[in-house]
Amino acid sequence: MKKLLVFVALLSLLLPGCNRTLVDTTWAYKYADINGVGTVEVSSWTDYENSDMIQIKASDGTVYLTHSVNVVLRTK
């Protein structure tokens, strides 16, 4: 039992440093408010693991690449 507790404690210290996604969540957004552009209907969006950039593909086919501080993704 003591070995298990030590293992769990050690694992909890090492996992945050490995920078891996343990739980993958999918977020569905219908609209994006983009600074300088306005509100667009979202077809798909992608964020990048090692960057603050976000790519948004609008329902009309236009692709926007911008910094994440310039975008608000929303469902309504």
PDB file of N, CA and C in Angstrom:
ATOM      1  N   MET A   1       0.824  -1.192   0.000  1.00  0.00           N
ATOM      2  CA  MET A   1       0.000   0.000   0.000  1.00  0.00           C
ATOM      3  C   MET A   1       0.871   1.261   0.000  1.00  0.00           C
ATOM      4  N   LYS A   2       1.938   1.221   0.766  1.00  0.00           N
ATOM      5  CA  LYS A   2       2.831   2.371   0.852  1.00  0.00           C
ATOM      6  C   LYS A   2       3.521   2.620  -0.494  1.00  0.00           C
ATOM      7  N   LYS A   3       3.879   1.529  -1.197  1.00  0.00           N
ATOM      8  CA  LYS A   3       4.517   1.672  -2.505  1.00  0.00           C
ATOM      9  C   LYS A   3       3.553   2.300  -3.509  1.00  0.00           C
ATOM     10  N   LEU A   4       2.280   1.936  -3.428  1.00  0.00           N
ATOM     11  CA  LEU A   4       1.278   2.502  -4.323  1.00  0.00           C
ATOM     12  C   LEU A   4       1.125   4.006  -4.097  1.00  0.00           C
ATOM     13  N   LEU A   5       1.103   4.429  -2.841  1.00  0.00           N
ATOM     14  CA  LEU A   5       0.986   5.853  -2.531  1.00  0.00           C
ATOM     15  C   LEU A   5       2.196   6.634  -3.027  1.00  0.00           C
ATOM     16  N   VAL A   6       3.368   6.059  -2.877  1.00  0.00           N
ATOM     17  CA  VAL A   6       4.589   6.709  -3.363  1.00  0.00           C
ATOM     18  C   VAL A   6       4.548   6.814  -4.881  1.00  0.00           C
ATOM     19  N   PHE A   7       4.102   5.749  -5.538  1.00  0.00           N
ATOM     20  CA  PHE A   7       4.003   5.755  -7.001  1.00  0.00           C
ATOM     21  C   PHE A   7       3.024   6.819  -7.479  1.00  0.00           C
ATOM     22  N   VAL A   8       1.851   6.910  -6.868  1.00  0.00           N
ATOM     23  CA  VAL A   8       0.847   7.899  -7.256  1.00  0.00           C
ATOM     24  C   VAL A   8       1.365   9.310  -7.007  1.00  0.00           C
ATOM     25  N   ALA A   9       2.036   9.527  -5.905  1.00  0.00           N
ATOM     26  CA  ALA A   9       2.593  10.849  -5.605  1.00  0.00           C
ATOM     27  C   ALA A   9       3.666  11.224  -6.626  1.00  0.00           C
ATOM     28  N   LEU A  10       4.529  10.289  -6.968  1.00  0.00           N
ATOM     29  CA  LEU A  10       5.585  10.546  -7.939  1.00  0.00           C
ATOM     30  C   LEU A  10       4.994  10.788  -9.327  1.00  0.00           C
ATOM     31  N   LEU A  11       4.001  10.019  -9.678  1.00  0.00           N
ATOM     32  CA  LEU A  11       3.350  10.177 -10.969  1.00  0.00           C
ATOM     33  C   LEU A  11       2.667  11.541 -11.080  1.00  0.00           C
ATOM     34  N   SER A  12       2.041  11.988 -10.014  1.00  0.00           N
ATOM     35  CA  SER A  12       1.368  13.291 -10.040  1.00  0.00           C
ATOM     36  C   SER A  12       2.364  14.438 -10.158  1.00  0.00           C
ATOM     37  N   LEU A  13       3.576  14.238  -9.703  1.00  0.00           N
ATOM     38  CA  LEU A  13       4.595  15.273  -9.842  1.00  0.00           C
ATOM     39  C   LEU A  13       5.192  15.291 -11.240  1.00  0.00           C
ATOM     40  N   LEU A  14       5.276  14.131 -11.877  1.00  0.00           N
ATOM     41  CA  LEU A  14       5.921  14.041 -13.180  1.00  0.00           C
ATOM     42  C   LEU A  14       4.981  14.320 -14.353  1.00  0.00           C
ATOM     43  N   LEU A  15       3.703  14.006 -14.228  1.00  0.00           N
ATOM     44  CA  LEU A  15       2.778  14.181 -15.344  1.00  0.00           C
ATOM     45  C   LEU A  15       2.622  15.622 -15.820  1.00  0.00           C
ATOM     46  N   PRO A  16       2.526  16.599 -14.943  1.00  0.00           N
ATOM     47  CA  PRO A  16       2.400  17.965 -15.460  1.00  0.00           C
ATOM     48  C   PRO A  16       3.608  18.403 -16.282  1.00  0.00           C
ATOM     49  N   GLY A  17       4.757  17.856 -16.032  1.00  0.00           N
ATOM     50  CA  GLY A  17       5.953  18.229 -16.773  1.00  0.00           C
ATOM     51  C   GLY A  17       6.057  17.592 -18.138  1.00  0.00           C
ATOM     52  N   CYS A  18       5.287  16.563 -18.411  1.00  0.00           N
ATOM     53  CA  CYS A  18       5.410  15.879 -19.696  1.00  0.00           C
ATOM     54  C   CYS A  18       4.607  16.568 -20.791  1.00  0.00           C
ATOM     55  N   ASN A  19       3.738  17.514 -20.431  1.00  0.00           N
ATOM     56  CA  ASN A  19       2.992  18.333 -21.396  1.00  0.00           C
ATOM     57  C   ASN A  19       2.192  17.493 -22.380  1.00  0.00           C
ATOM     58  N   ARG A  20       1.506  16.503 -21.876  1.00  0.00           N
ATOM     59  CA  ARG A  20       0.644  15.652 -22.695  1.00  0.00           C
ATOM     60  C   ARG A  20      -0.812  15.889 -22.304  1.00  0.00           C
ATOM     61  N   THR A  21      -1.684  15.777 -23.262  1.00  0.00           N
ATOM     62  CA  THR A  21      -3.098  15.908 -22.994  1.00  0.00           C
ATOM     63  C   THR A  21      -3.620  14.570 -22.501  1.00  0.00           C
ATOM     64  N   LEU A  22      -4.131  14.549 -21.286  1.00  0.00           N
ATOM     65  CA  LEU A  22      -4.656  13.313 -20.727  1.00  0.00           C
ATOM     66  C   LEU A  22      -6.120  13.125 -21.076  1.00  0.00           C
ATOM     67  N   VAL A  23      -6.860  14.205 -21.142  1.00  0.00           N
ATOM     68  CA  VAL A  23      -8.271  14.144 -21.471  1.00  0.00           C
ATOM     69  C   VAL A  23      -8.513  15.071 -22.653  1.00  0.00           C
ATOM     70  N   ASP A  24      -8.995  14.500 -23.736  1.00  0.00           N
ATOM     71  CA  ASP A  24      -9.273  15.298 -24.922  1.00  0.00           C
ATOM     72  C   ASP A  24     -10.743  15.682 -24.925  1.00  0.00           C
ATOM     73  N   THR A  25     -11.000  16.971 -24.941  1.00  0.00           N
ATOM     74  CA  THR A  25     -12.376  17.445 -24.990  1.00  0.00           C
ATOM     75  C   THR A  25     -12.617  18.125 -26.325  1.00  0.00           C
ATOM     76  N   THR A  26     -13.781  17.964 -26.843  1.00  0.00           N
ATOM     77  CA  THR A  26     -14.150  18.594 -28.100  1.00  0.00           C
ATOM     78  C   THR A  26     -15.138  19.707 -27.800  1.00  0.00           C
ATOM     79  N   TRP A  27     -14.821  20.879 -28.255  1.00  0.00           N
ATOM     80  CA  TRP A  27     -15.670  22.038 -28.031  1.00  0.00           C
ATOM     81  C   TRP A  27     -16.272  22.454 -29.357  1.00  0.00           C
ATOM     82  N   ALA A  28     -17.587  22.545 -29.406  1.00  0.00           N
ATOM     83  CA  ALA A  28     -18.281  22.959 -30.618  1.00  0.00           C
ATOM     84  C   ALA A  28     -18.790  24.385 -30.441  1.00  0.00           C
ATOM     85  N   TYR A  29     -18.375  25.263 -31.333  1.00  0.00           N
ATOM     86  CA  TYR A  29     -18.810  26.649 -31.296  1.00  0.00           C
ATOM     87  C   TYR A  29     -19.495  26.982 -32.606  1.00  0.00           C
ATOM     88  N   LYS A  30     -20.521  27.809 -32.539  1.00  0.00           N
ATOM     89  CA  LYS A  30     -21.285  28.163 -33.724  1.00  0.00           C
ATOM     90  C   LYS A  30     -20.853  29.506 -34.306  1.00  0.00           C
ATOM     91  N   TYR A  31     -20.407  30.418 -33.450  1.00  0.00           N
ATOM     92  CA  TYR A  31     -20.037  31.765 -33.898  1.00  0.00           C
ATOM     93  C   TYR A  31     -18.680  32.171 -33.327  1.00  0.00           C
ATOM     94  N   ALA A  32     -18.016  33.071 -34.047  1.00  0.00           N
ATOM     95  CA  ALA A  32     -16.766  33.652 -33.582  1.00  0.00           C
ATOM     96  C   ALA A  32     -16.834  35.157 -33.778  1.00  0.00           C
ATOM     97  N   ASP A  33     -16.523  35.889 -32.730  1.00  0.00           N
ATOM     98  CA  ASP A  33     -16.396  37.341 -32.819  1.00  0.00           C
ATOM     99  C   ASP A  33     -14.912  37.641 -32.986  1.00  0.00           C
ATOM    100  N   ILE A  34     -14.531  38.115 -34.158  1.00  0.00           N
ATOM    101  CA  ILE A  34     -13.131  38.372 -34.481  1.00  0.00           C
ATOM    102  C   ILE A  34     -12.926  39.876 -34.562  1.00  0.00           C
ATOM    103  N   ASN A  35     -11.952  40.390 -33.807  1.00  0.00           N
ATOM    104  CA  ASN A  35     -11.649  41.825 -33.825  1.00  0.00           C
ATOM    105  C   ASN A  35     -11.266  42.257 -35.236  1.00  0.00           C
ATOM    106  N   GLY A  36     -11.861  43.332 -35.695  1.00  0.00           N
ATOM    107  CA  GLY A  36     -11.569  43.868 -37.010  1.00  0.00           C
ATOM    108  C   GLY A  36     -12.363  43.232 -38.128  1.00  0.00           C
ATOM    109  N   VAL A  37     -13.065  42.128 -37.849  1.00  0.00           N
ATOM    110  CA  VAL A  37     -13.834  41.428 -38.875  1.00  0.00           C
ATOM    111  C   VAL A  37     -15.319  41.457 -38.541  1.00  0.00           C
ATOM    112  N   GLY A  38     -15.644  41.114 -37.303  1.00  0.00           N
ATOM    113  CA  GLY A  38     -17.034  41.026 -36.877  1.00  0.00           C
ATOM    114  C   GLY A  38     -17.384  39.598 -36.495  1.00  0.00           C
ATOM    115  N   THR A  39     -18.668  39.288 -36.561  1.00  0.00           N
ATOM    116  CA  THR A  39     -19.142  37.960 -36.200  1.00  0.00           C
ATOM    117  C   THR A  39     -19.230  37.086 -37.441  1.00  0.00           C
ATOM    118  N   VAL A  40     -18.656  35.889 -37.351  1.00  0.00           N
ATOM    119  CA  VAL A  40     -18.724  34.928 -38.449  1.00  0.00           C
ATOM    120  C   VAL A  40     -19.295  33.618 -37.922  1.00  0.00           C
ATOM    121  N   GLU A  41     -19.951  32.880 -38.798  1.00  0.00           N
ATOM    122  CA  GLU A  41     -20.457  31.562 -38.445  1.00  0.00           C
ATOM    123  C   GLU A  41     -19.316  30.562 -38.658  1.00  0.00           C
ATOM    124  N   VAL A  42     -19.042  29.762 -37.632  1.00  0.00           N
ATOM    125  CA  VAL A  42     -17.884  28.872 -37.631  1.00  0.00           C
ATOM    126  C   VAL A  42     -18.229  27.530 -38.265  1.00  0.00           C
ATOM    127  N   SER A  43     -17.421  27.144 -39.240  1.00  0.00           N
ATOM    128  CA  SER A  43     -17.515  25.808 -39.818  1.00  0.00           C
ATOM    129  C   SER A  43     -16.597  24.861 -39.051  1.00  0.00           C
ATOM    130  N   SER A  44     -15.356  25.328 -38.796  1.00  0.00           N
ATOM    131  CA  SER A  44     -14.393  24.571 -37.982  1.00  0.00           C
ATOM    132  C   SER A  44     -13.362  25.546 -37.434  1.00  0.00           C
ATOM    133  N   TRP A  45     -12.654  25.097 -36.403  1.00  0.00           N
ATOM    134  CA  TRP A  45     -11.609  25.928 -35.820  1.00  0.00           C
ATOM    135  C   TRP A  45     -10.493  25.042 -35.302  1.00  0.00           C
ATOM    136  N   THR A  46      -9.290  25.595 -35.237  1.00  0.00           N
ATOM    137  CA  THR A  46      -8.119  24.862 -34.781  1.00  0.00           C
ATOM    138  C   THR A  46      -7.257  25.787 -33.946  1.00  0.00           C
ATOM    139  N   ASP A  47      -6.801  25.287 -32.803  1.00  0.00           N
ATOM    140  CA  ASP A  47      -5.779  26.015 -32.060  1.00  0.00           C
ATOM    141  C   ASP A  47      -4.510  25.176 -32.108  1.00  0.00           C
ATOM    142  N   TYR A  48      -3.399  25.814 -31.888  1.00  0.00           N
ATOM    143  CA  TYR A  48      -2.108  25.158 -32.031  1.00  0.00           C
ATOM    144  C   TYR A  48      -1.483  24.955 -30.657  1.00  0.00           C
ATOM    145  N   GLU A  49      -0.920  23.780 -30.440  1.00  0.00           N
ATOM    146  CA  GLU A  49      -0.420  23.362 -29.133  1.00  0.00           C
ATOM    147  C   GLU A  49       0.687  24.271 -28.603  1.00  0.00           C
ATOM    148  N   ASN A  50       1.606  24.671 -29.444  1.00  0.00           N
ATOM    149  CA  ASN A  50       2.755  25.464 -28.991  1.00  0.00           C
ATOM    150  C   ASN A  50       2.652  26.926 -29.406  1.00  0.00           C
ATOM    151  N   SER A  51       1.422  27.414 -29.597  1.00  0.00           N
ATOM    152  CA  SER A  51       1.241  28.777 -30.067  1.00  0.00           C
ATOM    153  C   SER A  51      -0.057  29.344 -29.506  1.00  0.00           C
ATOM    154  N   ASP A  52      -0.179  30.658 -29.560  1.00  0.00           N
ATOM    155  CA  ASP A  52      -1.403  31.330 -29.141  1.00  0.00           C
ATOM    156  C   ASP A  52      -2.276  31.689 -30.339  1.00  0.00           C
ATOM    157  N   MET A  53      -1.959  31.142 -31.497  1.00  0.00           N
ATOM    158  CA  MET A  53      -2.708  31.427 -32.713  1.00  0.00           C
ATOM    159  C   MET A  53      -3.920  30.502 -32.807  1.00  0.00           C
ATOM    160  N   ILE A  54      -4.953  30.987 -33.485  1.00  0.00           N
ATOM    161  CA  ILE A  54      -6.154  30.194 -33.722  1.00  0.00           C
ATOM    162  C   ILE A  54      -6.570  30.399 -35.172  1.00  0.00           C
ATOM    163  N   GLN A  55      -6.971  29.306 -35.817  1.00  0.00           N
ATOM    164  CA  GLN A  55      -7.436  29.354 -37.198  1.00  0.00           C
ATOM    165  C   GLN A  55      -8.923  29.039 -37.211  1.00  0.00           C
ATOM    166  N   ILE A  56      -9.698  29.901 -37.825  1.00  0.00           N
ATOM    167  CA  ILE A  56     -11.143  29.736 -37.887  1.00  0.00           C
ATOM    168  C   ILE A  56     -11.558  29.670 -39.347  1.00  0.00           C
ATOM    169  N   LYS A  57     -12.299  28.619 -39.694  1.00  0.00           N
ATOM    170  CA  LYS A  57     -12.852  28.510 -41.037  1.00  0.00           C
ATOM    171  C   LYS A  57     -14.326  28.862 -40.943  1.00  0.00           C
ATOM    172  N   ALA A  58     -14.710  29.920 -41.635  1.00  0.00           N
ATOM    173  CA  ALA A  58     -16.095  30.383 -41.622  1.00  0.00           C
ATOM    174  C   ALA A  58     -16.937  29.503 -42.539  1.00  0.00           C
ATOM    175  N   SER A  59     -18.243  29.562 -42.352  1.00  0.00           N
ATOM    176  CA  SER A  59     -19.147  28.736 -43.154  1.00  0.00           C
ATOM    177  C   SER A  59     -19.135  29.137 -44.633  1.00  0.00           C
ATOM    178  N   ASP A  60     -18.691  30.358 -44.947  1.00  0.00           N
ATOM    179  CA  ASP A  60     -18.584  30.776 -46.347  1.00  0.00           C
ATOM    180  C   ASP A  60     -17.260  30.362 -46.990  1.00  0.00           C
ATOM    181  N   GLY A  61     -16.397  29.678 -46.232  1.00  0.00           N
ATOM    182  CA  GLY A  61     -15.123  29.183 -46.761  1.00  0.00           C
ATOM    183  C   GLY A  61     -13.931  30.061 -46.452  1.00  0.00           C
ATOM    184  N   THR A  62     -14.148  31.248 -45.906  1.00  0.00           N
ATOM    185  CA  THR A  62     -13.055  32.146 -45.556  1.00  0.00           C
ATOM    186  C   THR A  62     -12.313  31.599 -44.347  1.00  0.00           C
ATOM    187  N   VAL A  63     -10.981  31.657 -44.394  1.00  0.00           N
ATOM    188  CA  VAL A  63     -10.154  31.178 -43.294  1.00  0.00           C
ATOM    189  C   VAL A  63      -9.478  32.367 -42.636  1.00  0.00           C
ATOM    190  N   TYR A  64      -9.605  32.457 -41.311  1.00  0.00           N
ATOM    191  CA  TYR A  64      -8.993  33.533 -40.532  1.00  0.00           C
ATOM    192  C   TYR A  64      -7.943  32.931 -39.617  1.00  0.00           C
ATOM    193  N   LEU A  65      -6.756  33.508 -39.614  1.00  0.00           N
ATOM    194  CA  LEU A  65      -5.691  33.113 -38.707  1.00  0.00           C
ATOM    195  C   LEU A  65      -5.340  34.338 -37.878  1.00  0.00           C
ATOM    196  N   THR A  66      -5.495  34.232 -36.570  1.00  0.00           N
ATOM    197  CA  THR A  66      -5.274  35.383 -35.707  1.00  0.00           C
ATOM    198  C   THR A  66      -4.815  34.917 -34.335  1.00  0.00           C
ATOM    199  N   HIS A  67      -4.383  35.857 -33.529  1.00  0.00           N
ATOM    200  CA  HIS A  67      -4.003  35.567 -32.152  1.00  0.00           C
ATOM    201  C   HIS A  67      -5.267  35.297 -31.341  1.00  0.00           C
ATOM    202  N   SER A  68      -5.177  34.431 -30.362  1.00  0.00           N
ATOM    203  CA  SER A  68      -6.358  34.018 -29.601  1.00  0.00           C
ATOM    204  C   SER A  68      -6.993  35.154 -28.796  1.00  0.00           C
ATOM    205  N   VAL A  69      -6.241  36.218 -28.493  1.00  0.00           N
ATOM    206  CA  VAL A  69      -6.844  37.337 -27.760  1.00  0.00           C
ATOM    207  C   VAL A  69      -7.787  38.150 -28.645  1.00  0.00           C
ATOM    208  N   ASN A  70      -7.733  37.939 -29.952  1.00  0.00           N
ATOM    209  CA  ASN A  70      -8.588  38.668 -30.886  1.00  0.00           C
ATOM    210  C   ASN A  70      -9.888  37.948 -31.200  1.00  0.00           C
ATOM    211  N   VAL A  71     -10.134  36.799 -30.556  1.00  0.00           N
ATOM    212  CA  VAL A  71     -11.290  35.969 -30.907  1.00  0.00           C
ATOM    213  C   VAL A  71     -12.073  35.590 -29.663  1.00  0.00           C
ATOM    214  N   VAL A  72     -13.400  35.633 -29.807  1.00  0.00           N
ATOM    215  CA  VAL A  72     -14.294  35.075 -28.792  1.00  0.00           C
ATOM    216  C   VAL A  72     -15.140  34.024 -29.506  1.00  0.00           C
ATOM    217  N   LEU A  73     -14.993  32.766 -29.118  1.00  0.00           N
ATOM    218  CA  LEU A  73     -15.807  31.689 -29.685  1.00  0.00           C
ATOM    219  C   LEU A  73     -17.035  31.523 -28.795  1.00  0.00           C
ATOM    220  N   ARG A  74     -18.210  31.383 -29.414  1.00  0.00           N
ATOM    221  CA  ARG A  74     -19.434  31.273 -28.628  1.00  0.00           C
ATOM    222  C   ARG A  74     -20.428  30.353 -29.309  1.00  0.00           C
ATOM    223  N   THR A  75     -21.386  29.888 -28.523  1.00  0.00           N
ATOM    224  CA  THR A  75     -22.407  28.972 -29.047  1.00  0.00           C
ATOM    225  C   THR A  75     -23.671  29.678 -29.460  1.00  0.00           C
ATOM    226  N   LYS A  76     -23.931  30.876 -28.939  1.00  0.00           N
ATOM    227  CA  LYS A  76     -25.149  31.622 -29.279  1.00  0.00           C
ATOM    228  C   LYS A  76     -24.817  32.964 -29.854  1.00  0.00           C
TER     229      LYS A  76
END
